[in-house]
Amino acid sequence: MKKIFILLIGCMLASVSVHGQNQPQNNQPRQGWQRQNRNQQPVNRNEQFSPAEYARQQREFFTKNAELTQEEADAFFPIYNELQQKKRELNRETRRFMREAAGPNASDEQSLKAIDAQAETNLKIAELEKEYLQKFKKILPATKILKIQNAEEQFNSQMLKDIQQSRGHQFQQGQQRPGQQQRPGQPQPGRPGQN
């Protein structure tokens, strides 16, 4: 258990370290995400999310940014998709516990179960990622694996921004979102210093 905890902490620190090294210098904007067609989004404002379109764009983005050959991409993506499916399955059960614990009548026991489930899921995901990293090392050089990890972070970040924009969730800092409750002691938007 101690080894797993140390592994999890190490993964988080490595992620932060890689993210920090990938930051642009001189306050220049990051250049990683550039679509040929800025209007192309996997989430259409009038349509449902398309997993196939998401997967297509993800594959295209990873392949370009990690400079994968067609053979490398063909070997990598089935393994990567398998890993993602296993992570989704782990998270699905955790979300069930979290929904139960988020209810207005949730007990301490339900909350504890949700917290424990989330911690256990995080450990299992860390173990899966370590296991699949070994598989990736057999088909790709370490430089390309690192490029894929950076591309994944950029891609997911941009997808989140696109989804928020498509749903009209761009709010200025400090603005209250619809349905968001005011926190005690937090000044109301537009009224600096007043509660």
N, C-alpha and C. Protein backbone atom coordinates (compact mmCIF):
# COMPACT_ATOMS: atom_id res chain seq x y z
N MET A 1 0.83 -1.18 0.00
CA MET A 1 0.00 0.00 0.00
C MET A 1 0.88 1.25 0.00
N LYS A 2 1.97 1.21 0.77
CA LYS A 2 2.88 2.35 0.84
C LYS A 2 3.52 2.60 -0.53
N LYS A 3 3.86 1.51 -1.24
CA LYS A 3 4.47 1.66 -2.56
C LYS A 3 3.49 2.29 -3.54
N ILE A 4 2.24 1.90 -3.45
CA ILE A 4 1.22 2.46 -4.35
C ILE A 4 1.04 3.94 -4.07
N PHE A 5 1.00 4.31 -2.81
CA PHE A 5 0.85 5.71 -2.45
C PHE A 5 2.03 6.53 -2.96
N ILE A 6 3.22 6.00 -2.80
CA ILE A 6 4.42 6.69 -3.29
C ILE A 6 4.38 6.81 -4.80
N LEU A 7 3.92 5.75 -5.48
CA LEU A 7 3.79 5.78 -6.93
C LEU A 7 2.80 6.85 -7.36
N LEU A 8 1.68 6.94 -6.67
CA LEU A 8 0.67 7.94 -6.99
C LEU A 8 1.22 9.35 -6.82
N ILE A 9 1.91 9.59 -5.72
CA ILE A 9 2.51 10.90 -5.48
C ILE A 9 3.55 11.20 -6.57
N GLY A 10 4.35 10.20 -6.91
CA GLY A 10 5.36 10.38 -7.96
C GLY A 10 4.74 10.73 -9.30
N CYS A 11 3.64 10.07 -9.64
CA CYS A 11 2.95 10.36 -10.91
C CYS A 11 2.43 11.80 -10.92
N MET A 12 1.87 12.22 -9.78
CA MET A 12 1.35 13.59 -9.72
C MET A 12 2.48 14.60 -9.84
N LEU A 13 3.60 14.35 -9.16
CA LEU A 13 4.73 15.26 -9.24
C LEU A 13 5.32 15.30 -10.65
N ALA A 14 5.40 14.14 -11.29
CA ALA A 14 5.92 14.10 -12.66
C ALA A 14 5.01 14.86 -13.59
N SER A 15 3.71 14.75 -13.39
CA SER A 15 2.76 15.47 -14.23
C SER A 15 2.93 16.97 -14.08
N VAL A 16 3.08 17.43 -12.83
CA VAL A 16 3.28 18.85 -12.58
C VAL A 16 4.61 19.31 -13.18
N SER A 17 5.64 18.49 -13.03
CA SER A 17 6.95 18.82 -13.58
C SER A 17 6.92 18.93 -15.09
N VAL A 18 6.28 17.97 -15.75
CA VAL A 18 6.19 18.00 -17.21
C VAL A 18 5.39 19.21 -17.65
N HIS A 19 4.31 19.51 -16.94
CA HIS A 19 3.48 20.66 -17.30
C HIS A 19 4.29 21.95 -17.16
N GLY A 20 5.05 22.07 -16.09
CA GLY A 20 5.84 23.27 -15.88
C GLY A 20 6.92 23.44 -16.93
N GLN A 21 7.52 22.34 -17.39
CA GLN A 21 8.57 22.43 -18.40
C GLN A 21 8.00 22.79 -19.76
N ASN A 22 6.73 22.53 -19.96
CA ASN A 22 6.10 22.77 -21.25
C ASN A 22 5.53 24.18 -21.35
N GLN A 23 5.74 25.02 -20.33
CA GLN A 23 5.20 26.36 -20.37
C GLN A 23 6.05 27.24 -21.30
N PRO A 24 5.38 28.13 -22.04
CA PRO A 24 6.12 29.02 -22.94
C PRO A 24 6.93 30.03 -22.14
N GLN A 25 7.98 30.54 -22.75
CA GLN A 25 8.80 31.55 -22.10
C GLN A 25 8.39 32.92 -22.60
N ASN A 26 8.76 33.96 -21.87
CA ASN A 26 8.48 35.34 -22.22
C ASN A 26 6.99 35.63 -22.37
N ASN A 27 6.18 34.92 -21.60
CA ASN A 27 4.74 35.12 -21.62
C ASN A 27 4.12 34.99 -23.01
N GLN A 28 4.73 34.21 -23.88
CA GLN A 28 4.18 33.96 -25.20
C GLN A 28 3.10 32.91 -25.10
N PRO A 29 2.04 33.01 -25.91
CA PRO A 29 1.00 31.99 -25.85
C PRO A 29 1.52 30.66 -26.34
N ARG A 30 0.99 29.58 -25.78
CA ARG A 30 1.38 28.23 -26.17
C ARG A 30 0.91 27.98 -27.60
N GLN A 31 1.76 27.32 -28.38
CA GLN A 31 1.48 27.13 -29.80
C GLN A 31 1.02 25.72 -30.15
N GLY A 32 0.76 24.86 -29.17
CA GLY A 32 0.49 23.46 -29.45
C GLY A 32 -0.81 23.17 -30.18
N TRP A 33 -1.87 23.88 -29.89
CA TRP A 33 -3.19 23.54 -30.42
C TRP A 33 -3.55 24.50 -31.54
N GLN A 34 -3.52 24.02 -32.75
CA GLN A 34 -3.91 24.85 -33.88
C GLN A 34 -4.68 23.98 -34.86
N ARG A 35 -5.94 24.26 -35.01
CA ARG A 35 -6.75 23.53 -35.97
C ARG A 35 -6.66 24.23 -37.31
N GLN A 36 -6.79 23.44 -38.38
CA GLN A 36 -6.84 24.06 -39.70
C GLN A 36 -8.14 24.85 -39.82
N ASN A 37 -9.22 24.35 -39.25
CA ASN A 37 -10.51 25.00 -39.31
C ASN A 37 -10.97 25.27 -37.89
N ARG A 38 -10.93 26.51 -37.44
CA ARG A 38 -11.27 26.85 -36.06
C ARG A 38 -12.73 26.54 -35.73
N ASN A 39 -13.59 26.42 -36.74
CA ASN A 39 -14.99 26.12 -36.48
C ASN A 39 -15.24 24.64 -36.26
N GLN A 40 -14.24 23.82 -36.51
CA GLN A 40 -14.38 22.37 -36.36
C GLN A 40 -14.30 22.02 -34.88
N GLN A 41 -15.41 21.50 -34.34
CA GLN A 41 -15.45 21.13 -32.93
C GLN A 41 -16.15 19.80 -32.78
N PRO A 42 -15.71 18.96 -31.85
CA PRO A 42 -16.39 17.68 -31.65
C PRO A 42 -17.76 17.86 -30.99
N VAL A 43 -17.99 19.02 -30.39
CA VAL A 43 -19.28 19.27 -29.78
C VAL A 43 -19.94 20.36 -30.60
N ASN A 44 -20.94 19.99 -31.36
CA ASN A 44 -21.70 20.94 -32.15
C ASN A 44 -22.73 21.57 -31.24
N ARG A 45 -22.95 22.86 -31.37
CA ARG A 45 -23.88 23.54 -30.49
C ARG A 45 -25.29 22.97 -30.57
N ASN A 46 -25.66 22.41 -31.71
CA ASN A 46 -27.01 21.89 -31.89
C ASN A 46 -27.07 20.38 -31.84
N GLU A 47 -25.95 19.71 -31.64
CA GLU A 47 -25.92 18.25 -31.67
C GLU A 47 -25.30 17.71 -30.39
N GLN A 48 -25.44 16.39 -30.22
CA GLN A 48 -24.84 15.71 -29.08
C GLN A 48 -23.34 15.52 -29.31
N PHE A 49 -22.64 15.27 -28.23
CA PHE A 49 -21.22 14.95 -28.28
C PHE A 49 -21.03 13.70 -29.14
N SER A 50 -20.03 13.71 -30.00
CA SER A 50 -19.74 12.58 -30.87
C SER A 50 -18.45 11.91 -30.44
N PRO A 51 -18.53 10.73 -29.80
CA PRO A 51 -17.32 10.03 -29.40
C PRO A 51 -16.42 9.69 -30.59
N ALA A 52 -17.02 9.36 -31.73
CA ALA A 52 -16.23 9.02 -32.91
C ALA A 52 -15.46 10.24 -33.41
N GLU A 53 -16.10 11.40 -33.41
CA GLU A 53 -15.43 12.63 -33.85
C GLU A 53 -14.34 13.02 -32.86
N TYR A 54 -14.61 12.86 -31.59
CA TYR A 54 -13.62 13.14 -30.55
C TYR A 54 -12.40 12.25 -30.76
N ALA A 55 -12.62 10.95 -30.96
CA ALA A 55 -11.52 10.00 -31.14
C ALA A 55 -10.73 10.32 -32.41
N ARG A 56 -11.42 10.73 -33.47
CA ARG A 56 -10.74 11.07 -34.72
C ARG A 56 -9.84 12.29 -34.52
N GLN A 57 -10.38 13.32 -33.89
CA GLN A 57 -9.59 14.53 -33.65
C GLN A 57 -8.43 14.25 -32.69
N GLN A 58 -8.68 13.44 -31.69
CA GLN A 58 -7.63 13.10 -30.74
C GLN A 58 -6.50 12.36 -31.45
N ARG A 59 -6.85 11.38 -32.26
CA ARG A 59 -5.83 10.61 -32.98
C ARG A 59 -5.04 11.54 -33.90
N GLU A 60 -5.71 12.39 -34.61
CA GLU A 60 -5.05 13.34 -35.52
C GLU A 60 -4.10 14.26 -34.75
N PHE A 61 -4.57 14.78 -33.62
CA PHE A 61 -3.77 15.71 -32.83
C PHE A 61 -2.54 15.03 -32.23
N PHE A 62 -2.73 13.84 -31.64
CA PHE A 62 -1.62 13.11 -31.05
C PHE A 62 -0.60 12.73 -32.13
N THR A 63 -1.09 12.24 -33.26
CA THR A 63 -0.20 11.79 -34.33
C THR A 63 0.66 12.94 -34.82
N LYS A 64 0.03 14.10 -35.02
CA LYS A 64 0.77 15.27 -35.51
C LYS A 64 1.78 15.77 -34.46
N ASN A 65 1.31 15.96 -33.22
CA ASN A 65 2.17 16.56 -32.19
C ASN A 65 3.27 15.64 -31.69
N ALA A 66 3.05 14.34 -31.75
CA ALA A 66 4.09 13.39 -31.32
C ALA A 66 4.89 12.89 -32.51
N GLU A 67 4.55 13.38 -33.70
CA GLU A 67 5.25 13.01 -34.93
C GLU A 67 5.27 11.49 -35.11
N LEU A 68 4.09 10.87 -34.92
CA LEU A 68 3.98 9.43 -35.08
C LEU A 68 3.90 9.05 -36.55
N THR A 69 4.56 7.97 -36.91
CA THR A 69 4.38 7.42 -38.25
C THR A 69 3.03 6.70 -38.26
N GLN A 70 2.56 6.35 -39.45
CA GLN A 70 1.30 5.63 -39.54
C GLN A 70 1.38 4.29 -38.81
N GLU A 71 2.52 3.62 -38.94
CA GLU A 71 2.69 2.33 -38.26
C GLU A 71 2.68 2.50 -36.74
N GLU A 72 3.35 3.55 -36.25
CA GLU A 72 3.37 3.80 -34.80
C GLU A 72 1.96 4.12 -34.30
N ALA A 73 1.24 4.95 -35.04
CA ALA A 73 -0.13 5.30 -34.65
C ALA A 73 -1.02 4.07 -34.64
N ASP A 74 -0.88 3.23 -35.66
CA ASP A 74 -1.70 2.01 -35.73
C ASP A 74 -1.40 1.05 -34.59
N ALA A 75 -0.18 1.04 -34.10
CA ALA A 75 0.18 0.19 -32.96
C ALA A 75 -0.23 0.83 -31.63
N PHE A 76 -0.10 2.15 -31.55
CA PHE A 76 -0.34 2.86 -30.29
C PHE A 76 -1.82 2.97 -29.93
N PHE A 77 -2.66 3.39 -30.85
CA PHE A 77 -4.03 3.76 -30.50
C PHE A 77 -4.90 2.61 -30.00
N PRO A 78 -4.80 1.39 -30.50
CA PRO A 78 -5.61 0.33 -29.89
C PRO A 78 -5.26 0.11 -28.41
N ILE A 79 -3.98 0.22 -28.07
CA ILE A 79 -3.56 0.04 -26.68
C ILE A 79 -4.02 1.24 -25.84
N TYR A 80 -3.85 2.43 -26.38
CA TYR A 80 -4.28 3.65 -25.70
C TYR A 80 -5.79 3.62 -25.45
N ASN A 81 -6.56 3.25 -26.46
CA ASN A 81 -8.02 3.20 -26.33
C ASN A 81 -8.45 2.15 -25.30
N GLU A 82 -7.73 1.05 -25.24
CA GLU A 82 -8.01 0.02 -24.23
C GLU A 82 -7.79 0.59 -22.83
N LEU A 83 -6.70 1.31 -22.64
CA LEU A 83 -6.42 1.95 -21.35
C LEU A 83 -7.53 2.93 -20.99
N GLN A 84 -7.93 3.76 -21.93
CA GLN A 84 -8.96 4.75 -21.66
C GLN A 84 -10.28 4.09 -21.28
N GLN A 85 -10.62 2.99 -21.94
CA GLN A 85 -11.86 2.27 -21.63
C GLN A 85 -11.82 1.72 -20.20
N LYS A 86 -10.69 1.16 -19.80
CA LYS A 86 -10.55 0.64 -18.44
C LYS A 86 -10.66 1.77 -17.41
N LYS A 87 -10.08 2.92 -17.71
CA LYS A 87 -10.18 4.06 -16.80
C LYS A 87 -11.63 4.55 -16.70
N ARG A 88 -12.35 4.58 -17.82
CA ARG A 88 -13.76 4.98 -17.79
C ARG A 88 -14.58 4.03 -16.92
N GLU A 89 -14.33 2.73 -17.03
CA GLU A 89 -15.06 1.76 -16.23
C GLU A 89 -14.80 1.96 -14.74
N LEU A 90 -13.55 2.23 -14.39
CA LEU A 90 -13.23 2.48 -12.98
C LEU A 90 -13.94 3.74 -12.48
N ASN A 91 -13.91 4.78 -13.29
CA ASN A 91 -14.52 6.05 -12.88
C ASN A 91 -16.05 5.97 -12.82
N ARG A 92 -16.65 5.12 -13.64
CA ARG A 92 -18.11 4.99 -13.67
C ARG A 92 -18.64 4.56 -12.30
N GLU A 93 -18.01 3.58 -11.69
CA GLU A 93 -18.47 3.11 -10.39
C GLU A 93 -18.24 4.17 -9.31
N THR A 94 -17.13 4.86 -9.40
CA THR A 94 -16.84 5.91 -8.42
C THR A 94 -17.88 7.02 -8.52
N ARG A 95 -18.28 7.38 -9.73
CA ARG A 95 -19.29 8.43 -9.90
C ARG A 95 -20.62 8.02 -9.26
N ARG A 96 -20.94 6.72 -9.29
CA ARG A 96 -22.17 6.24 -8.67
C ARG A 96 -22.11 6.53 -7.16
N PHE A 97 -20.99 6.21 -6.52
CA PHE A 97 -20.85 6.50 -5.09
C PHE A 97 -20.91 8.00 -4.82
N MET A 98 -20.29 8.77 -5.70
CA MET A 98 -20.26 10.22 -5.52
C MET A 98 -21.66 10.82 -5.64
N ARG A 99 -22.46 10.32 -6.58
CA ARG A 99 -23.84 10.81 -6.73
C ARG A 99 -24.66 10.50 -5.48
N GLU A 100 -24.49 9.31 -4.95
CA GLU A 100 -25.22 8.93 -3.74
C GLU A 100 -24.82 9.83 -2.57
N ALA A 101 -23.53 10.14 -2.48
CA ALA A 101 -23.03 10.94 -1.37
C ALA A 101 -23.34 12.43 -1.54
N ALA A 102 -23.69 12.84 -2.74
CA ALA A 102 -23.96 14.25 -3.00
C ALA A 102 -25.41 14.63 -2.71
N GLY A 103 -26.24 13.65 -2.46
CA GLY A 103 -27.64 13.92 -2.19
C GLY A 103 -27.84 14.69 -0.89
N PRO A 104 -28.98 15.35 -0.76
CA PRO A 104 -29.22 16.16 0.44
C PRO A 104 -29.34 15.33 1.72
N ASN A 105 -29.68 14.06 1.59
CA ASN A 105 -29.84 13.21 2.76
C ASN A 105 -28.71 12.20 2.91
N ALA A 106 -27.57 12.50 2.34
CA ALA A 106 -26.43 11.58 2.38
C ALA A 106 -25.92 11.45 3.81
N SER A 107 -25.58 10.24 4.16
CA SER A 107 -25.04 9.97 5.49
C SER A 107 -23.52 10.07 5.47
N ASP A 108 -22.94 10.11 6.66
CA ASP A 108 -21.48 10.09 6.76
C ASP A 108 -20.93 8.80 6.18
N GLU A 109 -21.67 7.71 6.36
CA GLU A 109 -21.24 6.42 5.83
C GLU A 109 -21.17 6.46 4.29
N GLN A 110 -22.18 7.06 3.65
CA GLN A 110 -22.16 7.18 2.19
C GLN A 110 -21.02 8.08 1.74
N SER A 111 -20.80 9.16 2.45
CA SER A 111 -19.72 10.08 2.10
C SER A 111 -18.37 9.39 2.24
N LEU A 112 -18.20 8.65 3.32
CA LEU A 112 -16.95 7.92 3.54
C LEU A 112 -16.73 6.89 2.43
N LYS A 113 -17.79 6.20 2.05
CA LYS A 113 -17.72 5.22 0.98
C LYS A 113 -17.29 5.88 -0.34
N ALA A 114 -17.83 7.07 -0.61
CA ALA A 114 -17.48 7.80 -1.83
C ALA A 114 -16.02 8.24 -1.80
N ILE A 115 -15.58 8.75 -0.66
CA ILE A 115 -14.18 9.19 -0.52
C ILE A 115 -13.23 8.02 -0.71
N ASP A 116 -13.55 6.91 -0.05
CA ASP A 116 -12.71 5.71 -0.18
C ASP A 116 -12.71 5.18 -1.61
N ALA A 117 -13.87 5.20 -2.25
CA ALA A 117 -13.96 4.72 -3.64
C ALA A 117 -13.11 5.59 -4.56
N GLN A 118 -13.14 6.91 -4.35
CA GLN A 118 -12.35 7.81 -5.18
C GLN A 118 -10.86 7.57 -4.98
N ALA A 119 -10.44 7.39 -3.75
CA ALA A 119 -9.02 7.12 -3.46
C ALA A 119 -8.60 5.80 -4.08
N GLU A 120 -9.44 4.79 -3.95
CA GLU A 120 -9.12 3.48 -4.53
C GLU A 120 -9.06 3.55 -6.05
N THR A 121 -9.98 4.29 -6.65
CA THR A 121 -9.97 4.46 -8.11
C THR A 121 -8.69 5.15 -8.56
N ASN A 122 -8.29 6.19 -7.84
CA ASN A 122 -7.05 6.89 -8.20
C ASN A 122 -5.85 5.95 -8.18
N LEU A 123 -5.79 5.09 -7.16
CA LEU A 123 -4.69 4.13 -7.07
C LEU A 123 -4.74 3.12 -8.23
N LYS A 124 -5.93 2.62 -8.53
CA LYS A 124 -6.07 1.66 -9.62
C LYS A 124 -5.71 2.29 -10.97
N ILE A 125 -6.09 3.54 -11.16
CA ILE A 125 -5.74 4.23 -12.41
C ILE A 125 -4.23 4.41 -12.49
N ALA A 126 -3.59 4.77 -11.39
CA ALA A 126 -2.13 4.92 -11.39
C ALA A 126 -1.46 3.59 -11.74
N GLU A 127 -1.98 2.50 -11.20
CA GLU A 127 -1.42 1.17 -11.51
C GLU A 127 -1.63 0.84 -12.99
N LEU A 128 -2.82 1.14 -13.51
CA LEU A 128 -3.11 0.89 -14.93
C LEU A 128 -2.16 1.69 -15.82
N GLU A 129 -1.99 2.97 -15.49
CA GLU A 129 -1.12 3.82 -16.30
C GLU A 129 0.31 3.31 -16.29
N LYS A 130 0.77 2.83 -15.15
CA LYS A 130 2.12 2.27 -15.07
C LYS A 130 2.22 1.00 -15.92
N GLU A 131 1.21 0.15 -15.84
CA GLU A 131 1.17 -1.08 -16.64
C GLU A 131 1.18 -0.77 -18.14
N TYR A 132 0.35 0.19 -18.54
CA TYR A 132 0.26 0.52 -19.97
C TYR A 132 1.48 1.30 -20.46
N LEU A 133 2.14 2.01 -19.58
CA LEU A 133 3.37 2.69 -19.97
C LEU A 133 4.39 1.67 -20.45
N GLN A 134 4.44 0.52 -19.78
CA GLN A 134 5.36 -0.55 -20.21
C GLN A 134 5.00 -1.03 -21.61
N LYS A 135 3.72 -1.12 -21.90
CA LYS A 135 3.28 -1.53 -23.23
C LYS A 135 3.66 -0.47 -24.27
N PHE A 136 3.48 0.80 -23.91
CA PHE A 136 3.84 1.88 -24.85
C PHE A 136 5.34 1.88 -25.14
N LYS A 137 6.14 1.59 -24.12
CA LYS A 137 7.60 1.57 -24.29
C LYS A 137 8.04 0.51 -25.29
N LYS A 138 7.25 -0.53 -25.45
CA LYS A 138 7.60 -1.60 -26.40
C LYS A 138 7.35 -1.18 -27.85
N ILE A 139 6.52 -0.16 -28.07
CA ILE A 139 6.19 0.22 -29.45
C ILE A 139 6.63 1.62 -29.83
N LEU A 140 6.98 2.45 -28.83
CA LEU A 140 7.36 3.84 -29.11
C LEU A 140 8.60 4.24 -28.31
N PRO A 141 9.43 5.12 -28.87
CA PRO A 141 10.54 5.66 -28.09
C PRO A 141 10.01 6.60 -26.99
N ALA A 142 10.78 6.76 -25.95
CA ALA A 142 10.37 7.57 -24.80
C ALA A 142 10.05 9.01 -25.21
N THR A 143 10.79 9.56 -26.18
CA THR A 143 10.53 10.94 -26.61
C THR A 143 9.13 11.09 -27.16
N LYS A 144 8.66 10.09 -27.89
CA LYS A 144 7.32 10.17 -28.47
C LYS A 144 6.25 9.93 -27.41
N ILE A 145 6.54 9.10 -26.44
CA ILE A 145 5.58 8.89 -25.34
C ILE A 145 5.39 10.20 -24.58
N LEU A 146 6.49 10.89 -24.30
CA LEU A 146 6.40 12.17 -23.60
C LEU A 146 5.64 13.19 -24.43
N LYS A 147 5.88 13.21 -25.74
CA LYS A 147 5.15 14.13 -26.61
C LYS A 147 3.65 13.81 -26.61
N ILE A 148 3.31 12.54 -26.56
CA ILE A 148 1.90 12.14 -26.50
C ILE A 148 1.28 12.60 -25.19
N GLN A 149 2.00 12.45 -24.08
CA GLN A 149 1.48 12.89 -22.79
C GLN A 149 1.22 14.39 -22.81
N ASN A 150 2.13 15.16 -23.38
CA ASN A 150 1.94 16.61 -23.47
C ASN A 150 0.77 16.94 -24.40
N ALA A 151 0.68 16.22 -25.52
CA ALA A 151 -0.41 16.44 -26.48
C ALA A 151 -1.75 16.11 -25.84
N GLU A 152 -1.79 15.06 -25.02
CA GLU A 152 -3.04 14.67 -24.36
C GLU A 152 -3.51 15.79 -23.44
N GLU A 153 -2.60 16.36 -22.69
CA GLU A 153 -2.94 17.46 -21.78
C GLU A 153 -3.46 18.66 -22.58
N GLN A 154 -2.77 19.02 -23.65
CA GLN A 154 -3.20 20.15 -24.47
C GLN A 154 -4.56 19.89 -25.12
N PHE A 155 -4.73 18.69 -25.64
CA PHE A 155 -5.97 18.33 -26.33
C PHE A 155 -7.15 18.39 -25.36
N ASN A 156 -7.00 17.78 -24.21
CA ASN A 156 -8.09 17.77 -23.23
C ASN A 156 -8.42 19.17 -22.73
N SER A 157 -7.40 19.97 -22.52
CA SER A 157 -7.61 21.35 -22.09
C SER A 157 -8.39 22.14 -23.15
N GLN A 158 -7.99 21.97 -24.39
CA GLN A 158 -8.67 22.70 -25.47
C GLN A 158 -10.10 22.19 -25.65
N MET A 159 -10.31 20.88 -25.52
CA MET A 159 -11.66 20.33 -25.65
C MET A 159 -12.57 20.90 -24.58
N LEU A 160 -12.07 21.00 -23.36
CA LEU A 160 -12.86 21.57 -22.27
C LEU A 160 -13.23 23.02 -22.59
N LYS A 161 -12.27 23.78 -23.07
CA LYS A 161 -12.55 25.18 -23.45
C LYS A 161 -13.60 25.23 -24.55
N ASP A 162 -13.47 24.37 -25.55
CA ASP A 162 -14.43 24.35 -26.66
C ASP A 162 -15.83 24.00 -26.18
N ILE A 163 -15.91 23.03 -25.28
CA ILE A 163 -17.22 22.63 -24.74
C ILE A 163 -17.83 23.78 -23.96
N GLN A 164 -17.03 24.44 -23.14
CA GLN A 164 -17.53 25.57 -22.37
C GLN A 164 -18.02 26.68 -23.29
N GLN A 165 -17.26 26.97 -24.35
CA GLN A 165 -17.66 28.00 -25.29
C GLN A 165 -18.94 27.62 -26.02
N SER A 166 -19.04 26.35 -26.43
CA SER A 166 -20.22 25.93 -27.17
C SER A 166 -21.48 25.96 -26.33
N ARG A 167 -21.31 25.85 -25.03
CA ARG A 167 -22.46 25.89 -24.13
C ARG A 167 -22.65 27.26 -23.50
N GLY A 168 -21.82 28.22 -23.90
CA GLY A 168 -21.98 29.57 -23.39
C GLY A 168 -21.55 29.74 -21.96
N HIS A 169 -20.55 28.97 -21.51
CA HIS A 169 -20.12 29.03 -20.11
C HIS A 169 -18.85 29.85 -19.93
N GLN A 170 -18.68 30.85 -20.72
CA GLN A 170 -17.51 31.69 -20.50
C GLN A 170 -17.90 32.82 -19.56
N PHE A 171 -17.38 32.77 -18.38
CA PHE A 171 -17.69 33.77 -17.38
C PHE A 171 -16.41 34.45 -16.98
N GLN A 172 -16.53 35.73 -16.71
CA GLN A 172 -15.37 36.45 -16.23
C GLN A 172 -15.07 36.00 -14.81
N GLN A 173 -13.82 36.15 -14.44
CA GLN A 173 -13.42 35.74 -13.10
C GLN A 173 -14.25 36.50 -12.08
N GLY A 174 -14.78 35.75 -11.12
CA GLY A 174 -15.57 36.36 -10.07
C GLY A 174 -17.06 36.37 -10.35
N GLN A 175 -17.46 36.14 -11.61
CA GLN A 175 -18.88 36.11 -11.90
C GLN A 175 -19.48 34.80 -11.43
N GLN A 176 -20.72 34.89 -10.98
CA GLN A 176 -21.41 33.71 -10.51
C GLN A 176 -22.09 33.04 -11.68
N ARG A 177 -21.90 31.73 -11.81
CA ARG A 177 -22.54 30.96 -12.88
C ARG A 177 -24.00 30.69 -12.49
N PRO A 178 -24.85 30.47 -13.49
CA PRO A 178 -26.23 30.12 -13.16
C PRO A 178 -26.26 28.87 -12.29
N GLY A 179 -27.04 28.92 -11.22
CA GLY A 179 -27.17 27.78 -10.33
C GLY A 179 -26.10 27.70 -9.26
N GLN A 180 -25.07 28.55 -9.37
CA GLN A 180 -23.99 28.54 -8.39
C GLN A 180 -24.42 29.37 -7.19
N GLN A 181 -24.24 28.82 -6.00
CA GLN A 181 -24.65 29.52 -4.79
C GLN A 181 -23.52 30.42 -4.31
N GLN A 182 -23.91 31.53 -3.73
CA GLN A 182 -22.95 32.48 -3.17
C GLN A 182 -22.31 31.87 -1.94
N ARG A 183 -20.97 31.91 -1.86
CA ARG A 183 -20.27 31.41 -0.68
C ARG A 183 -20.29 32.47 0.40
N PRO A 184 -20.41 32.05 1.65
CA PRO A 184 -20.40 33.02 2.75
C PRO A 184 -19.10 33.81 2.75
N GLY A 185 -19.22 35.12 2.95
CA GLY A 185 -18.04 35.97 3.00
C GLY A 185 -17.50 36.37 1.65
N GLN A 186 -18.11 35.85 0.57
CA GLN A 186 -17.65 36.19 -0.78
C GLN A 186 -18.43 37.41 -1.26
N PRO A 187 -17.74 38.47 -1.74
CA PRO A 187 -18.46 39.63 -2.22
C PRO A 187 -19.28 39.28 -3.45
N GLN A 188 -20.43 39.93 -3.59
CA GLN A 188 -21.26 39.67 -4.75
C GLN A 188 -20.63 40.31 -5.98
N PRO A 189 -20.79 39.67 -7.14
CA PRO A 189 -20.22 40.24 -8.37
C PRO A 189 -20.77 41.64 -8.63
N GLY A 190 -19.88 42.54 -9.01
CA GLY A 190 -20.29 43.90 -9.32
C GLY A 190 -20.37 44.80 -8.10
N ARG A 191 -20.14 44.25 -6.92
CA ARG A 191 -20.20 45.03 -5.69
C ARG A 191 -18.95 44.77 -4.87
N PRO A 192 -17.84 45.36 -5.24
CA PRO A 192 -16.59 45.10 -4.50
C PRO A 192 -16.72 45.47 -3.03
N GLY A 193 -16.27 44.54 -2.19
CA GLY A 193 -16.21 44.80 -0.76
C GLY A 193 -17.51 44.66 -0.02
N GLN A 194 -18.64 44.38 -0.72
CA GLN A 194 -19.92 44.23 -0.05
C GLN A 194 -20.31 42.77 0.00
N ASN A 195 -21.00 42.35 1.06
CA ASN A 195 -21.50 40.98 1.20
C ASN A 195 -22.97 40.95 0.97
